[in-house]
């Protein structure tokens, strides 16, 4: 029932009744929102990225009026952020932003940022998506990169013994 929507005019809207009523929730934001991430179990845990400098935001719902706090911290102001991901499996949560120069990570809710991902090129990261413990970073012209965010709970599947030499591989065979 809870939905957040960013519109082309730079506004951010919120509904808690499946779209029957909408409220504007962009007080404090600078620039048009280009990505939004909502905590999987807490609809008030919201992160956003705007197309203004590093423009990384966290929604503060305490008090009578909601407002956005800039959590770009010490991220270099020469970078522009285009996508964000919150890994809420940690306390405090870890935030990841895709920038014009790779992925950056914060473990202290945006106060400090460090480059993330060994061997990842310094290129424009246009999308961040997680699937289980793996974070995928889609880049502009440099493919998709994957990195493990946390340990896997289940052991990896067992693969048969390696056989040297040419072996035919059929669809679905482990390689």
N, C-alpha and C. Protein backbone atom coordinates (compact mmCIF):
# COMPACT_ATOMS: atom_id res chain seq x y z
N UNK A 1 0.80 -1.20 0.00
CA UNK A 1 0.00 0.00 0.00
C UNK A 1 0.85 1.27 0.00
N UNK A 2 2.11 1.17 0.49
CA UNK A 2 2.98 2.33 0.57
C UNK A 2 3.79 2.44 -0.72
N UNK A 3 3.74 3.64 -1.32
CA UNK A 3 4.47 3.87 -2.57
C UNK A 3 5.10 5.25 -2.52
N UNK A 4 6.36 5.34 -2.97
CA UNK A 4 7.03 6.62 -3.16
C UNK A 4 7.26 6.78 -4.66
N UNK A 5 7.02 7.98 -5.18
CA UNK A 5 7.17 8.24 -6.61
C UNK A 5 7.90 9.56 -6.80
N UNK A 6 8.92 9.54 -7.66
CA UNK A 6 9.59 10.77 -8.06
C UNK A 6 9.09 11.13 -9.45
N UNK A 7 8.78 12.40 -9.65
CA UNK A 7 8.26 12.84 -10.94
C UNK A 7 9.26 13.73 -11.66
N UNK A 8 9.05 13.90 -12.95
CA UNK A 8 10.00 14.63 -13.79
C UNK A 8 10.14 16.10 -13.38
N UNK A 9 9.16 16.65 -12.68
CA UNK A 9 9.25 18.05 -12.26
C UNK A 9 10.04 18.23 -10.96
N UNK A 10 10.68 17.14 -10.49
CA UNK A 10 11.51 17.22 -9.29
C UNK A 10 10.78 16.96 -7.99
N UNK A 11 9.52 16.65 -8.05
CA UNK A 11 8.73 16.40 -6.85
C UNK A 11 8.82 14.94 -6.43
N UNK A 12 8.61 14.70 -5.13
CA UNK A 12 8.55 13.35 -4.62
C UNK A 12 7.23 13.20 -3.86
N UNK A 13 6.50 12.13 -4.20
CA UNK A 13 5.17 11.91 -3.65
C UNK A 13 5.12 10.61 -2.89
N UNK A 14 4.18 10.55 -1.92
CA UNK A 14 4.04 9.41 -1.03
C UNK A 14 2.56 9.07 -0.88
N UNK A 15 2.24 7.76 -0.91
CA UNK A 15 0.89 7.31 -0.60
C UNK A 15 1.00 6.13 0.35
N UNK A 16 0.07 6.06 1.29
CA UNK A 16 0.04 4.91 2.20
C UNK A 16 -1.23 4.10 2.03
N UNK A 17 -2.05 4.49 1.03
CA UNK A 17 -3.30 3.78 0.79
C UNK A 17 -3.42 3.28 -0.65
N UNK A 18 -2.30 2.90 -1.22
CA UNK A 18 -2.30 2.32 -2.56
C UNK A 18 -2.59 3.30 -3.67
N UNK A 19 -2.46 4.58 -3.43
CA UNK A 19 -2.64 5.59 -4.47
C UNK A 19 -3.95 6.35 -4.41
N UNK A 20 -4.77 6.07 -3.42
CA UNK A 20 -6.04 6.81 -3.30
C UNK A 20 -5.77 8.28 -2.94
N UNK A 21 -4.76 8.53 -2.09
CA UNK A 21 -4.40 9.89 -1.68
C UNK A 21 -2.88 10.02 -1.74
N UNK A 22 -2.39 11.14 -2.23
CA UNK A 22 -0.96 11.38 -2.36
C UNK A 22 -0.56 12.62 -1.58
N UNK A 23 0.60 12.56 -0.92
CA UNK A 23 1.17 13.71 -0.21
C UNK A 23 2.56 13.98 -0.77
N UNK A 24 2.87 15.26 -0.88
CA UNK A 24 4.21 15.65 -1.34
C UNK A 24 5.20 15.46 -0.20
N UNK A 25 6.33 14.82 -0.48
CA UNK A 25 7.34 14.53 0.55
C UNK A 25 8.73 14.91 0.08
N UNK A 26 8.91 16.14 -0.44
CA UNK A 26 10.22 16.54 -0.94
C UNK A 26 10.80 17.75 -0.20
N UNK A 27 10.30 18.02 1.00
CA UNK A 27 10.81 19.13 1.78
C UNK A 27 12.28 18.89 2.15
N UNK A 28 13.14 19.80 1.71
CA UNK A 28 14.57 19.69 2.01
C UNK A 28 15.39 19.09 0.89
N UNK A 29 14.75 18.46 -0.08
CA UNK A 29 15.49 17.88 -1.21
C UNK A 29 15.96 18.98 -2.15
N UNK A 30 17.16 18.80 -2.70
CA UNK A 30 17.68 19.72 -3.71
C UNK A 30 17.95 18.90 -4.97
N UNK A 31 17.38 19.30 -6.08
CA UNK A 31 17.54 18.58 -7.33
C UNK A 31 16.46 17.53 -7.50
N UNK A 32 16.29 17.07 -8.73
CA UNK A 32 15.28 16.06 -9.05
C UNK A 32 15.77 14.69 -8.62
N UNK A 33 14.90 13.92 -7.99
CA UNK A 33 15.24 12.58 -7.53
C UNK A 33 15.38 11.64 -8.73
N UNK A 34 16.49 10.89 -8.77
CA UNK A 34 16.72 9.95 -9.87
C UNK A 34 16.68 8.50 -9.40
N UNK A 35 16.70 8.26 -8.09
CA UNK A 35 16.60 6.90 -7.57
C UNK A 35 16.09 6.96 -6.13
N UNK A 36 15.24 5.98 -5.77
CA UNK A 36 14.67 5.87 -4.43
C UNK A 36 14.82 4.42 -3.99
N UNK A 37 15.17 4.20 -2.73
CA UNK A 37 15.19 2.86 -2.14
C UNK A 37 14.47 2.90 -0.81
N UNK A 38 13.58 1.94 -0.58
CA UNK A 38 12.79 1.88 0.64
C UNK A 38 13.18 0.62 1.40
N UNK A 39 13.36 0.76 2.70
CA UNK A 39 13.66 -0.38 3.57
C UNK A 39 12.60 -1.46 3.34
N UNK A 40 13.01 -2.74 3.27
CA UNK A 40 12.04 -3.80 2.94
C UNK A 40 10.94 -4.02 3.98
N UNK A 41 11.17 -3.63 5.23
CA UNK A 41 10.14 -3.84 6.25
C UNK A 41 9.70 -2.56 6.95
N UNK A 42 10.34 -1.45 6.69
CA UNK A 42 10.00 -0.18 7.32
C UNK A 42 9.77 0.89 6.25
N UNK A 43 8.53 1.21 5.93
CA UNK A 43 8.28 2.17 4.85
C UNK A 43 8.77 3.59 5.15
N UNK A 44 9.24 3.84 6.37
CA UNK A 44 9.80 5.15 6.69
C UNK A 44 11.31 5.19 6.51
N UNK A 45 11.93 4.05 6.25
CA UNK A 45 13.36 4.00 5.98
C UNK A 45 13.59 4.18 4.48
N UNK A 46 13.82 5.42 4.08
CA UNK A 46 13.90 5.75 2.66
C UNK A 46 15.20 6.48 2.35
N UNK A 47 15.84 6.08 1.25
CA UNK A 47 17.04 6.73 0.73
C UNK A 47 16.72 7.25 -0.66
N UNK A 48 17.35 8.34 -1.04
CA UNK A 48 17.14 8.88 -2.38
C UNK A 48 18.43 9.51 -2.88
N UNK A 49 18.52 9.60 -4.20
CA UNK A 49 19.63 10.26 -4.87
C UNK A 49 19.02 11.30 -5.80
N UNK A 50 19.58 12.51 -5.75
CA UNK A 50 19.11 13.56 -6.66
C UNK A 50 20.21 13.92 -7.63
N UNK A 51 19.83 14.46 -8.74
CA UNK A 51 20.79 14.84 -9.76
C UNK A 51 21.45 16.17 -9.45
N UNK A 52 21.84 16.36 -8.21
CA UNK A 52 22.51 17.59 -7.78
C UNK A 52 23.76 17.19 -7.02
N UNK A 53 24.94 17.42 -7.60
CA UNK A 53 26.19 17.06 -6.93
C UNK A 53 26.12 15.64 -6.43
N UNK A 54 26.69 15.37 -5.25
CA UNK A 54 26.54 14.03 -4.73
C UNK A 54 25.10 13.72 -4.34
N UNK A 55 24.31 14.71 -3.92
CA UNK A 55 22.89 14.58 -3.63
C UNK A 55 22.41 13.25 -3.10
N UNK A 56 22.83 12.87 -1.89
CA UNK A 56 22.41 11.62 -1.27
C UNK A 56 21.58 11.98 -0.05
N UNK A 57 20.39 11.39 0.06
CA UNK A 57 19.42 11.84 1.04
C UNK A 57 18.84 10.70 1.84
N UNK A 58 18.50 10.98 3.10
CA UNK A 58 17.81 10.03 3.98
C UNK A 58 16.58 10.74 4.52
N UNK A 59 15.45 10.05 4.49
CA UNK A 59 14.20 10.64 4.96
C UNK A 59 14.12 10.57 6.48
N UNK A 60 13.84 11.71 7.10
CA UNK A 60 13.66 11.80 8.55
C UNK A 60 12.17 11.97 8.81
N UNK A 61 11.55 10.96 9.42
CA UNK A 61 10.11 11.01 9.68
C UNK A 61 9.80 11.31 11.14
N UNK A 62 10.83 11.66 11.91
CA UNK A 62 10.57 12.00 13.32
C UNK A 62 9.95 13.39 13.38
N UNK A 63 9.17 13.62 14.38
CA UNK A 63 8.52 14.92 14.52
C UNK A 63 7.25 15.01 13.70
N UNK A 64 6.72 16.22 13.62
CA UNK A 64 5.43 16.40 12.94
C UNK A 64 5.55 16.52 11.43
N UNK A 65 6.71 16.96 10.94
CA UNK A 65 6.87 17.09 9.48
C UNK A 65 8.07 16.27 9.02
N UNK A 66 7.89 15.61 7.92
CA UNK A 66 8.97 14.82 7.34
C UNK A 66 9.90 15.75 6.57
N UNK A 67 11.19 15.45 6.64
CA UNK A 67 12.15 16.20 5.82
C UNK A 67 13.34 15.32 5.47
N UNK A 68 14.07 15.74 4.47
CA UNK A 68 15.21 14.98 3.96
C UNK A 68 16.51 15.57 4.48
N UNK A 69 17.41 14.69 4.92
CA UNK A 69 18.75 15.10 5.35
C UNK A 69 19.76 14.68 4.30
N UNK A 70 20.66 15.61 3.97
CA UNK A 70 21.73 15.29 3.04
C UNK A 70 22.76 14.44 3.78
N UNK A 71 23.01 13.22 3.28
CA UNK A 71 23.96 12.32 3.92
C UNK A 71 25.16 12.07 3.01
N UNK A 72 25.50 13.05 2.16
CA UNK A 72 26.66 12.90 1.28
C UNK A 72 27.97 12.95 2.06
N UNK A 73 27.93 13.44 3.30
CA UNK A 73 29.11 13.43 4.17
C UNK A 73 30.36 13.91 3.46
N UNK A 74 31.41 13.08 3.51
CA UNK A 74 32.68 13.46 2.90
C UNK A 74 32.88 12.88 1.49
N UNK A 75 31.79 12.46 0.84
CA UNK A 75 31.90 12.02 -0.54
C UNK A 75 32.39 13.19 -1.38
N UNK A 76 33.42 12.98 -2.22
CA UNK A 76 33.95 14.10 -3.01
C UNK A 76 32.84 14.81 -3.80
N UNK A 77 32.81 16.15 -3.70
CA UNK A 77 31.76 16.89 -4.39
C UNK A 77 31.97 16.96 -5.90
N UNK A 78 33.05 16.37 -6.39
CA UNK A 78 33.26 16.28 -7.83
C UNK A 78 32.49 15.11 -8.44
N UNK A 79 31.91 14.25 -7.59
CA UNK A 79 31.15 13.10 -8.07
C UNK A 79 29.68 13.43 -8.12
N UNK A 80 29.00 12.82 -9.06
CA UNK A 80 27.54 12.87 -9.11
C UNK A 80 27.04 11.47 -8.84
N UNK A 81 26.04 11.35 -7.98
CA UNK A 81 25.45 10.05 -7.67
C UNK A 81 24.24 9.83 -8.57
N UNK A 82 24.08 8.58 -9.03
CA UNK A 82 22.97 8.28 -9.92
C UNK A 82 22.08 7.15 -9.43
N UNK A 83 22.55 6.39 -8.42
CA UNK A 83 21.77 5.27 -7.91
C UNK A 83 22.22 4.97 -6.49
N UNK A 84 21.34 4.34 -5.71
CA UNK A 84 21.64 4.06 -4.32
C UNK A 84 21.09 2.70 -3.93
N UNK A 85 21.73 2.07 -2.95
CA UNK A 85 21.25 0.81 -2.39
C UNK A 85 21.51 0.83 -0.89
N UNK A 86 20.54 0.39 -0.11
CA UNK A 86 20.72 0.25 1.33
C UNK A 86 20.78 -1.21 1.70
N UNK A 87 21.85 -1.62 2.37
CA UNK A 87 21.96 -2.98 2.88
C UNK A 87 21.57 -2.93 4.35
N UNK A 88 20.29 -3.19 4.62
CA UNK A 88 19.74 -3.07 5.96
C UNK A 88 19.96 -4.32 6.79
N UNK A 89 20.76 -5.27 6.32
CA UNK A 89 21.08 -6.46 7.11
C UNK A 89 22.13 -6.15 8.18
N UNK A 90 22.73 -4.99 8.13
CA UNK A 90 23.76 -4.57 9.08
C UNK A 90 23.18 -3.51 10.01
N UNK A 91 23.78 -3.39 11.19
CA UNK A 91 23.40 -2.31 12.09
C UNK A 91 24.65 -1.57 12.51
N UNK A 92 24.83 -0.32 12.18
CA UNK A 92 23.94 0.46 11.33
C UNK A 92 23.97 -0.05 9.89
N UNK A 93 22.96 0.31 9.10
CA UNK A 93 22.93 -0.18 7.71
C UNK A 93 24.10 0.37 6.90
N UNK A 94 24.45 -0.36 5.86
CA UNK A 94 25.48 0.12 4.92
C UNK A 94 24.78 0.68 3.70
N UNK A 95 25.24 1.84 3.24
CA UNK A 95 24.69 2.48 2.06
C UNK A 95 25.73 2.42 0.94
N UNK A 96 25.25 2.18 -0.26
CA UNK A 96 26.11 2.14 -1.44
C UNK A 96 25.55 3.11 -2.47
N UNK A 97 26.41 3.92 -3.08
CA UNK A 97 25.97 4.80 -4.16
C UNK A 97 26.80 4.54 -5.40
N UNK A 98 26.10 4.50 -6.52
CA UNK A 98 26.76 4.45 -7.81
C UNK A 98 27.00 5.87 -8.26
N UNK A 99 28.25 6.18 -8.59
CA UNK A 99 28.62 7.55 -8.94
C UNK A 99 29.22 7.59 -10.34
N UNK A 100 29.66 8.77 -10.72
CA UNK A 100 30.34 8.94 -12.00
C UNK A 100 31.73 8.34 -11.97
N UNK A 101 32.16 7.83 -10.82
CA UNK A 101 33.47 7.18 -10.70
C UNK A 101 33.38 5.98 -9.77
N UNK A 102 32.56 5.01 -10.12
CA UNK A 102 32.48 3.77 -9.37
C UNK A 102 31.47 3.78 -8.24
N UNK A 103 31.58 2.77 -7.36
CA UNK A 103 30.67 2.60 -6.23
C UNK A 103 31.37 3.06 -4.96
N UNK A 104 30.63 3.77 -4.12
CA UNK A 104 31.14 4.23 -2.83
C UNK A 104 30.23 3.69 -1.74
N UNK A 105 30.81 3.46 -0.54
CA UNK A 105 30.09 2.82 0.55
C UNK A 105 30.23 3.64 1.83
N UNK A 106 29.15 3.65 2.62
CA UNK A 106 29.18 4.26 3.94
C UNK A 106 28.64 3.25 4.95
N UNK A 107 29.37 3.09 6.05
CA UNK A 107 28.94 2.21 7.14
C UNK A 107 28.46 3.00 8.35
N UNK A 108 28.43 4.33 8.22
CA UNK A 108 28.02 5.17 9.35
C UNK A 108 26.92 6.15 8.95
N UNK A 109 25.99 5.66 8.16
CA UNK A 109 24.80 6.40 7.74
C UNK A 109 25.12 7.69 6.99
N UNK A 110 26.18 7.65 6.20
CA UNK A 110 26.49 8.75 5.30
C UNK A 110 27.48 9.77 5.79
N UNK A 111 28.01 9.62 6.98
CA UNK A 111 29.00 10.59 7.47
C UNK A 111 30.31 10.48 6.70
N UNK A 112 30.73 9.24 6.44
CA UNK A 112 31.99 9.00 5.73
C UNK A 112 31.76 7.99 4.60
N UNK A 113 32.43 8.22 3.48
CA UNK A 113 32.29 7.36 2.29
C UNK A 113 33.66 6.90 1.82
N UNK A 114 33.75 5.63 1.39
CA UNK A 114 34.98 5.10 0.83
C UNK A 114 34.65 4.39 -0.48
N UNK A 115 35.64 4.33 -1.36
CA UNK A 115 35.45 3.60 -2.61
C UNK A 115 35.20 2.14 -2.29
N UNK A 116 34.36 1.49 -3.08
CA UNK A 116 33.96 0.12 -2.83
C UNK A 116 34.18 -0.72 -4.07
N UNK A 117 34.69 -1.92 -3.88
CA UNK A 117 34.82 -2.87 -4.99
C UNK A 117 36.22 -2.92 -5.56
N UNK A 118 36.97 -3.95 -5.19
CA UNK A 118 38.31 -4.14 -5.70
C UNK A 118 38.25 -4.41 -7.19
N UNK A 119 39.13 -3.80 -7.93
CA UNK A 119 39.29 -4.01 -9.37
C UNK A 119 38.14 -3.47 -10.20
N UNK A 120 37.22 -2.76 -9.62
CA UNK A 120 36.13 -2.19 -10.40
C UNK A 120 36.64 -0.92 -11.08
N UNK A 121 36.29 -0.71 -12.34
CA UNK A 121 36.79 0.48 -13.04
C UNK A 121 36.16 1.76 -12.50
N UNK A 122 36.87 2.85 -12.66
CA UNK A 122 36.35 4.17 -12.27
C UNK A 122 35.50 4.68 -13.42
N UNK A 123 34.27 4.19 -13.46
CA UNK A 123 33.36 4.54 -14.54
C UNK A 123 31.99 4.87 -13.97
N UNK A 124 31.12 5.38 -14.79
CA UNK A 124 29.78 5.78 -14.37
C UNK A 124 28.94 4.55 -14.03
N UNK A 125 28.51 4.45 -12.78
CA UNK A 125 27.65 3.35 -12.34
C UNK A 125 26.21 3.88 -12.39
N UNK A 126 25.40 3.27 -13.24
CA UNK A 126 24.06 3.77 -13.50
C UNK A 126 22.97 3.03 -12.74
N UNK A 127 23.29 1.85 -12.17
CA UNK A 127 22.27 1.10 -11.45
C UNK A 127 22.91 0.18 -10.43
N UNK A 128 22.31 0.07 -9.26
CA UNK A 128 22.71 -0.88 -8.23
C UNK A 128 21.50 -1.73 -7.88
N UNK A 129 21.67 -3.03 -7.91
CA UNK A 129 20.60 -3.96 -7.55
C UNK A 129 21.21 -5.08 -6.73
N UNK A 130 20.49 -5.55 -5.72
CA UNK A 130 20.97 -6.66 -4.91
C UNK A 130 20.07 -7.86 -5.14
N UNK A 131 20.69 -9.02 -5.11
CA UNK A 131 19.97 -10.28 -5.15
C UNK A 131 20.59 -11.14 -4.06
N UNK A 132 19.88 -11.27 -2.94
CA UNK A 132 20.46 -11.98 -1.80
C UNK A 132 21.70 -11.23 -1.32
N UNK A 133 22.81 -11.95 -1.16
CA UNK A 133 24.02 -11.32 -0.64
C UNK A 133 24.90 -10.68 -1.71
N UNK A 134 24.42 -10.63 -2.96
CA UNK A 134 25.24 -10.11 -4.06
C UNK A 134 24.72 -8.75 -4.50
N UNK A 135 25.64 -7.76 -4.63
CA UNK A 135 25.31 -6.45 -5.16
C UNK A 135 25.81 -6.38 -6.59
N UNK A 136 24.92 -6.01 -7.50
CA UNK A 136 25.27 -5.86 -8.92
C UNK A 136 25.34 -4.39 -9.25
N UNK A 137 26.39 -3.99 -9.95
CA UNK A 137 26.59 -2.61 -10.35
C UNK A 137 26.59 -2.55 -11.88
N UNK A 138 25.57 -1.92 -12.44
CA UNK A 138 25.51 -1.72 -13.89
C UNK A 138 26.24 -0.45 -14.24
N UNK A 139 27.14 -0.53 -15.22
CA UNK A 139 27.95 0.62 -15.58
C UNK A 139 27.62 1.09 -16.99
N UNK A 140 28.08 2.27 -17.30
CA UNK A 140 27.91 2.82 -18.63
C UNK A 140 29.12 2.38 -19.47
N UNK A 141 28.93 1.35 -20.26
CA UNK A 141 29.96 0.90 -21.19
C UNK A 141 31.02 -0.03 -20.63
N UNK A 142 30.91 -0.45 -19.37
CA UNK A 142 31.93 -1.33 -18.80
C UNK A 142 31.32 -2.58 -18.19
N UNK A 143 30.11 -2.95 -18.61
CA UNK A 143 29.48 -4.20 -18.22
C UNK A 143 28.81 -4.09 -16.85
N UNK A 144 28.51 -5.27 -16.27
CA UNK A 144 27.91 -5.37 -14.95
C UNK A 144 28.90 -6.05 -14.03
N UNK A 145 29.05 -5.53 -12.82
CA UNK A 145 29.98 -6.06 -11.84
C UNK A 145 29.19 -6.60 -10.67
N UNK A 146 29.69 -7.68 -10.07
CA UNK A 146 29.01 -8.29 -8.93
C UNK A 146 30.01 -8.45 -7.79
N UNK A 147 29.53 -8.18 -6.55
CA UNK A 147 30.38 -8.34 -5.38
C UNK A 147 29.51 -8.82 -4.22
N UNK A 148 30.07 -9.70 -3.42
CA UNK A 148 29.34 -10.24 -2.28
C UNK A 148 29.31 -9.20 -1.16
N UNK A 149 28.11 -8.96 -0.62
CA UNK A 149 27.94 -8.00 0.46
C UNK A 149 28.09 -8.62 1.84
N UNK A 150 27.69 -9.89 1.96
CA UNK A 150 27.74 -10.57 3.25
C UNK A 150 27.85 -12.07 3.00
N UNK A 151 28.20 -12.83 4.01
CA UNK A 151 28.35 -14.28 3.82
C UNK A 151 27.04 -14.93 3.39
N UNK A 152 27.17 -15.98 2.62
CA UNK A 152 26.01 -16.75 2.21
C UNK A 152 25.63 -17.68 3.35
N UNK A 153 24.35 -17.79 3.64
CA UNK A 153 23.89 -18.64 4.74
C UNK A 153 24.03 -20.12 4.41
N UNK A 154 23.74 -20.48 3.17
CA UNK A 154 23.82 -21.88 2.75
C UNK A 154 25.12 -22.11 2.00
N UNK A 155 25.72 -23.31 2.15
CA UNK A 155 26.94 -23.58 1.40
C UNK A 155 26.63 -23.62 -0.10
N UNK A 156 27.63 -23.30 -0.94
CA UNK A 156 27.39 -23.34 -2.38
C UNK A 156 27.11 -24.77 -2.84
N UNK A 157 26.37 -24.93 -3.95
CA UNK A 157 26.09 -26.28 -4.43
C UNK A 157 27.37 -26.99 -4.83
N UNK A 158 27.39 -28.30 -4.67
CA UNK A 158 28.56 -29.10 -5.05
C UNK A 158 28.56 -29.32 -6.55
N UNK A 159 29.72 -29.17 -7.13
CA UNK A 159 29.88 -29.39 -8.56
C UNK A 159 30.78 -30.60 -8.74
N UNK A 160 30.48 -31.43 -9.72
CA UNK A 160 31.25 -32.66 -9.96
C UNK A 160 32.71 -32.40 -10.22
N UNK A 161 33.51 -33.45 -10.32
CA UNK A 161 34.95 -33.30 -10.52
C UNK A 161 35.25 -32.67 -11.88
N UNK A 162 36.36 -31.93 -11.92
CA UNK A 162 36.80 -31.29 -13.16
C UNK A 162 37.42 -32.35 -14.07
N UNK A 163 37.05 -32.34 -15.33
CA UNK A 163 37.61 -33.26 -16.32
C UNK A 163 38.37 -32.43 -17.34
N UNK A 164 39.67 -32.69 -17.48
CA UNK A 164 40.49 -31.94 -18.44
C UNK A 164 40.13 -32.35 -19.86
N UNK A 165 40.34 -31.43 -20.78
CA UNK A 165 40.09 -31.73 -22.19
C UNK A 165 38.74 -31.21 -22.63
N UNK A 166 38.50 -31.27 -23.93
CA UNK A 166 37.23 -30.76 -24.44
C UNK A 166 36.07 -31.66 -23.99
N UNK A 167 35.09 -31.05 -23.42
CA UNK A 167 33.90 -31.76 -22.95
C UNK A 167 32.69 -30.99 -23.45
N UNK A 168 31.72 -31.65 -24.07
CA UNK A 168 30.53 -30.92 -24.51
C UNK A 168 29.75 -30.40 -23.32
N UNK A 169 29.28 -29.17 -23.45
CA UNK A 169 28.50 -28.54 -22.40
C UNK A 169 27.11 -28.30 -22.92
N UNK A 170 26.13 -28.80 -22.21
CA UNK A 170 24.73 -28.64 -22.58
C UNK A 170 24.10 -27.56 -21.73
N UNK A 171 23.00 -26.96 -22.19
CA UNK A 171 22.32 -25.95 -21.36
C UNK A 171 21.99 -26.53 -19.99
N UNK A 172 22.26 -25.78 -18.94
CA UNK A 172 21.98 -26.21 -17.59
C UNK A 172 23.11 -26.96 -16.93
N UNK A 173 24.16 -27.37 -17.68
CA UNK A 173 25.31 -28.03 -17.10
C UNK A 173 26.13 -27.03 -16.29
N UNK A 174 26.68 -27.45 -15.14
CA UNK A 174 27.57 -26.53 -14.39
C UNK A 174 28.87 -26.32 -15.16
N UNK A 175 29.32 -25.08 -15.17
CA UNK A 175 30.60 -24.79 -15.85
C UNK A 175 31.54 -24.09 -14.90
